[in-house]
Amino acid sequence: MLRDNNRQTETRTSAILPVVVSALLLLTVSPLRANPGPDKSATAGTFRTKCAMCHGPDGAGSAVGKSMNVPDLRSSVVQNTADAELAQIISNGKGGMPGFKSSLSDDQIHALVTHVRSLHQKK
């Protein structure tokens, strides 16, 4: 009788183990999927609303921006600037550029840095 109980326990344990492992994996991976960071279309929208008026839709500069001597975001000068410095400029502003730290999250600011990097490919 004792052997039968041990076999039943082993059978139940071996049947439950894959379910428990799957649940743990879902719990571990789900937070990563729940907050993947800003998506590219949202970042492009942020660029259009916050940056394109002066920097132009492609980063080359709009008529307004060129009259204020804004840099071409596709240029080697901008592209060779460290990410941390670009994030600081977006956050705090520079020259006539306003800072956006009060209206954008850190994630949005870093996503804009990534977007600025992508503009170099379009030059």
C-alpha atoms as a PDB file:
ATOM      1  CA  MET A   1       0.000   0.000   0.000  1.00  0.00           C
ATOM      2  CA  LEU A   2       2.860   2.394   0.819  1.00  0.00           C
ATOM      3  CA  ARG A   3       4.371   1.823  -2.628  1.00  0.00           C
ATOM      4  CA  ASP A   4       1.058   2.699  -4.300  1.00  0.00           C
ATOM      5  CA  ASN A   5       0.887   5.980  -2.357  1.00  0.00           C
ATOM      6  CA  ASN A   6       4.473   6.851  -3.360  1.00  0.00           C
ATOM      7  CA  ARG A   7       3.689   6.138  -7.016  1.00  0.00           C
ATOM      8  CA  GLN A   8       0.567   8.287  -6.864  1.00  0.00           C
ATOM      9  CA  THR A   9       2.549  11.129  -5.260  1.00  0.00           C
ATOM     10  CA  GLU A  10       5.279  10.836  -7.910  1.00  0.00           C
ATOM     11  CA  THR A  11       2.671  10.826 -10.682  1.00  0.00           C
ATOM     12  CA  ARG A  12       0.941  13.925  -9.280  1.00  0.00           C
ATOM     13  CA  THR A  13       4.265  15.712  -8.783  1.00  0.00           C
ATOM     14  CA  SER A  14       5.476  14.924 -12.292  1.00  0.00           C
ATOM     15  CA  ALA A  15       2.155  16.114 -13.720  1.00  0.00           C
ATOM     16  CA  ILE A  16       2.162  19.367 -11.739  1.00  0.00           C
ATOM     17  CA  LEU A  17       5.826  20.295 -12.245  1.00  0.00           C
ATOM     18  CA  PRO A  18       5.500  21.439 -15.900  1.00  0.00           C
ATOM     19  CA  VAL A  19       2.499  23.581 -14.960  1.00  0.00           C
ATOM     20  CA  VAL A  20       4.405  25.249 -12.120  1.00  0.00           C
ATOM     21  CA  VAL A  21       7.458  25.871 -14.316  1.00  0.00           C
ATOM     22  CA  SER A  22       5.273  27.373 -17.063  1.00  0.00           C
ATOM     23  CA  ALA A  23       3.542  29.663 -14.569  1.00  0.00           C
ATOM     24  CA  LEU A  24       6.877  30.853 -13.196  1.00  0.00           C
ATOM     25  CA  LEU A  25       8.152  31.584 -16.691  1.00  0.00           C
ATOM     26  CA  LEU A  26       5.031  33.584 -17.507  1.00  0.00           C
ATOM     27  CA  LEU A  27       5.371  35.593 -14.323  1.00  0.00           C
ATOM     28  CA  THR A  28       9.012  36.305 -15.104  1.00  0.00           C
ATOM     29  CA  VAL A  29       8.527  37.249 -18.762  1.00  0.00           C
ATOM     30  CA  SER A  30       5.168  39.042 -18.582  1.00  0.00           C
ATOM     31  CA  PRO A  31       6.487  42.253 -16.972  1.00  0.00           C
ATOM     32  CA  LEU A  32       8.939  42.589 -19.854  1.00  0.00           C
ATOM     33  CA  ARG A  33       6.126  42.386 -22.377  1.00  0.00           C
ATOM     34  CA  ALA A  34       3.882  44.668 -20.348  1.00  0.00           C
ATOM     35  CA  ASN A  35       6.369  47.564 -20.461  1.00  0.00           C
ATOM     36  CA  PRO A  36       8.508  47.294 -23.591  1.00  0.00           C
ATOM     37  CA  GLY A  37       9.199  51.049 -23.633  1.00  0.00           C
ATOM     38  CA  PRO A  38       7.914  53.613 -26.082  1.00  0.00           C
ATOM     39  CA  ASP A  39       7.203  52.204 -29.530  1.00  0.00           C
ATOM     40  CA  LYS A  40       8.680  53.742 -32.657  1.00  0.00           C
ATOM     41  CA  SER A  41       5.417  55.238 -33.887  1.00  0.00           C
ATOM     42  CA  ALA A  42       4.806  56.930 -30.533  1.00  0.00           C
ATOM     43  CA  THR A  43       8.358  58.296 -30.575  1.00  0.00           C
ATOM     44  CA  ALA A  44       7.946  59.541 -34.146  1.00  0.00           C
ATOM     45  CA  GLY A  45       4.729  61.255 -33.012  1.00  0.00           C
ATOM     46  CA  THR A  46       6.552  62.874 -30.102  1.00  0.00           C
ATOM     47  CA  PHE A  47       9.258  64.068 -32.503  1.00  0.00           C
ATOM     48  CA  ARG A  48       6.606  65.552 -34.807  1.00  0.00           C
ATOM     49  CA  THR A  49       4.866  67.413 -31.986  1.00  0.00           C
ATOM     50  CA  LYS A  50       7.888  68.532 -29.963  1.00  0.00           C
ATOM     51  CA  CYS A  51      10.806  68.781 -32.390  1.00  0.00           C
ATOM     52  CA  ALA A  52       9.798  68.956 -36.059  1.00  0.00           C
ATOM     53  CA  MET A  53       8.606  72.572 -35.921  1.00  0.00           C
ATOM     54  CA  CYS A  54      12.255  73.636 -35.741  1.00  0.00           C
ATOM     55  CA  HIS A  55      14.220  70.517 -36.690  1.00  0.00           C
ATOM     56  CA  GLY A  56      11.972  69.474 -39.588  1.00  0.00           C
ATOM     57  CA  PRO A  57      10.384  66.064 -40.076  1.00  0.00           C
ATOM     58  CA  ASP A  58      13.674  64.552 -41.263  1.00  0.00           C
ATOM     59  CA  GLY A  59      15.955  66.413 -38.827  1.00  0.00           C
ATOM     60  CA  ALA A  60      17.450  68.674 -41.514  1.00  0.00           C
ATOM     61  CA  GLY A  61      15.737  71.769 -40.100  1.00  0.00           C
ATOM     62  CA  SER A  62      12.556  73.593 -41.025  1.00  0.00           C
ATOM     63  CA  ALA A  63      12.410  77.137 -42.386  1.00  0.00           C
ATOM     64  CA  VAL A  64      11.811  78.377 -38.827  1.00  0.00           C
ATOM     65  CA  GLY A  65      14.667  76.287 -37.462  1.00  0.00           C
ATOM     66  CA  LYS A  66      17.091  77.312 -40.180  1.00  0.00           C
ATOM     67  CA  SER A  67      16.334  80.973 -39.424  1.00  0.00           C
ATOM     68  CA  MET A  68      17.369  80.229 -35.819  1.00  0.00           C
ATOM     69  CA  ASN A  69      20.459  78.245 -36.916  1.00  0.00           C
ATOM     70  CA  VAL A  70      19.334  74.953 -35.382  1.00  0.00           C
ATOM     71  CA  PRO A  71      21.741  72.135 -36.140  1.00  0.00           C
ATOM     72  CA  ASP A  72      20.948  69.480 -38.712  1.00  0.00           C
ATOM     73  CA  LEU A  73      20.230  66.449 -36.513  1.00  0.00           C
ATOM     74  CA  ARG A  74      21.633  64.216 -39.257  1.00  0.00           C
ATOM     75  CA  SER A  75      25.027  65.952 -39.195  1.00  0.00           C
ATOM     76  CA  SER A  76      28.172  64.294 -37.897  1.00  0.00           C
ATOM     77  CA  VAL A  77      28.401  66.949 -35.154  1.00  0.00           C
ATOM     78  CA  VAL A  78      25.055  65.879 -33.696  1.00  0.00           C
ATOM     79  CA  GLN A  79      25.500  62.184 -34.472  1.00  0.00           C
ATOM     80  CA  ASN A  80      28.904  62.156 -32.727  1.00  0.00           C
ATOM     81  CA  THR A  81      27.457  63.733 -29.581  1.00  0.00           C
ATOM     82  CA  ALA A  82      27.148  61.279 -26.688  1.00  0.00           C
ATOM     83  CA  ASP A  83      23.687  59.918 -25.923  1.00  0.00           C
ATOM     84  CA  ALA A  84      23.828  61.357 -22.400  1.00  0.00           C
ATOM     85  CA  GLU A  85      24.549  64.831 -23.765  1.00  0.00           C
ATOM     86  CA  LEU A  86      21.723  64.607 -26.309  1.00  0.00           C
ATOM     87  CA  ALA A  87      19.364  63.493 -23.532  1.00  0.00           C
ATOM     88  CA  GLN A  88      20.516  66.449 -21.422  1.00  0.00           C
ATOM     89  CA  ILE A  89      19.892  68.889 -24.298  1.00  0.00           C
ATOM     90  CA  ILE A  90      16.395  67.475 -24.874  1.00  0.00           C
ATOM     91  CA  SER A  91      15.710  67.632 -21.126  1.00  0.00           C
ATOM     92  CA  ASN A  92      17.136  71.060 -20.324  1.00  0.00           C
ATOM     93  CA  GLY A  93      17.189  72.803 -23.700  1.00  0.00           C
ATOM     94  CA  LYS A  94      20.062  74.658 -25.287  1.00  0.00           C
ATOM     95  CA  GLY A  95      20.285  78.149 -26.736  1.00  0.00           C
ATOM     96  CA  GLY A  96      16.794  78.974 -27.994  1.00  0.00           C
ATOM     97  CA  MET A  97      15.597  75.393 -27.636  1.00  0.00           C
ATOM     98  CA  PRO A  98      13.234  74.814 -24.709  1.00  0.00           C
ATOM     99  CA  GLY A  99      13.753  71.934 -22.307  1.00  0.00           C
ATOM    100  CA  PHE A 100      11.237  69.092 -22.272  1.00  0.00           C
ATOM    101  CA  LYS A 101      11.947  67.424 -18.907  1.00  0.00           C
ATOM    102  CA  SER A 102       8.657  68.683 -17.508  1.00  0.00           C
ATOM    103  CA  SER A 103       6.588  67.341 -20.401  1.00  0.00           C
ATOM    104  CA  LEU A 104       8.425  64.127 -21.370  1.00  0.00           C
ATOM    105  CA  SER A 105       9.392  61.093 -19.303  1.00  0.00           C
ATOM    106  CA  ASP A 106      12.981  59.859 -19.150  1.00  0.00           C
ATOM    107  CA  ASP A 107      11.944  56.930 -21.360  1.00  0.00           C
ATOM    108  CA  GLN A 108      10.484  59.320 -23.954  1.00  0.00           C
ATOM    109  CA  ILE A 109      13.643  61.448 -23.896  1.00  0.00           C
ATOM    110  CA  HIS A 110      15.870  58.411 -24.408  1.00  0.00           C
ATOM    111  CA  ALA A 111      13.567  57.183 -27.178  1.00  0.00           C
ATOM    112  CA  LEU A 112      13.995  60.587 -28.863  1.00  0.00           C
ATOM    113  CA  VAL A 113      17.778  60.171 -28.664  1.00  0.00           C
ATOM    114  CA  THR A 114      17.365  56.831 -30.457  1.00  0.00           C
ATOM    115  CA  HIS A 115      15.124  58.532 -33.017  1.00  0.00           C
ATOM    116  CA  VAL A 116      17.727  61.259 -33.624  1.00  0.00           C
ATOM    117  CA  ARG A 117      20.288  58.487 -34.213  1.00  0.00           C
ATOM    118  CA  SER A 118      17.979  56.941 -36.819  1.00  0.00           C
ATOM    119  CA  LEU A 119      17.808  60.232 -38.756  1.00  0.00           C
ATOM    120  CA  HIS A 120      21.460  59.898 -39.760  1.00  0.00           C
ATOM    121  CA  GLN A 121      20.515  56.977 -41.990  1.00  0.00           C
ATOM    122  CA  LYS A 122      18.083  59.171 -43.910  1.00  0.00           C
ATOM    123  CA  LYS A 123      20.621  61.806 -44.943  1.00  0.00           C
END
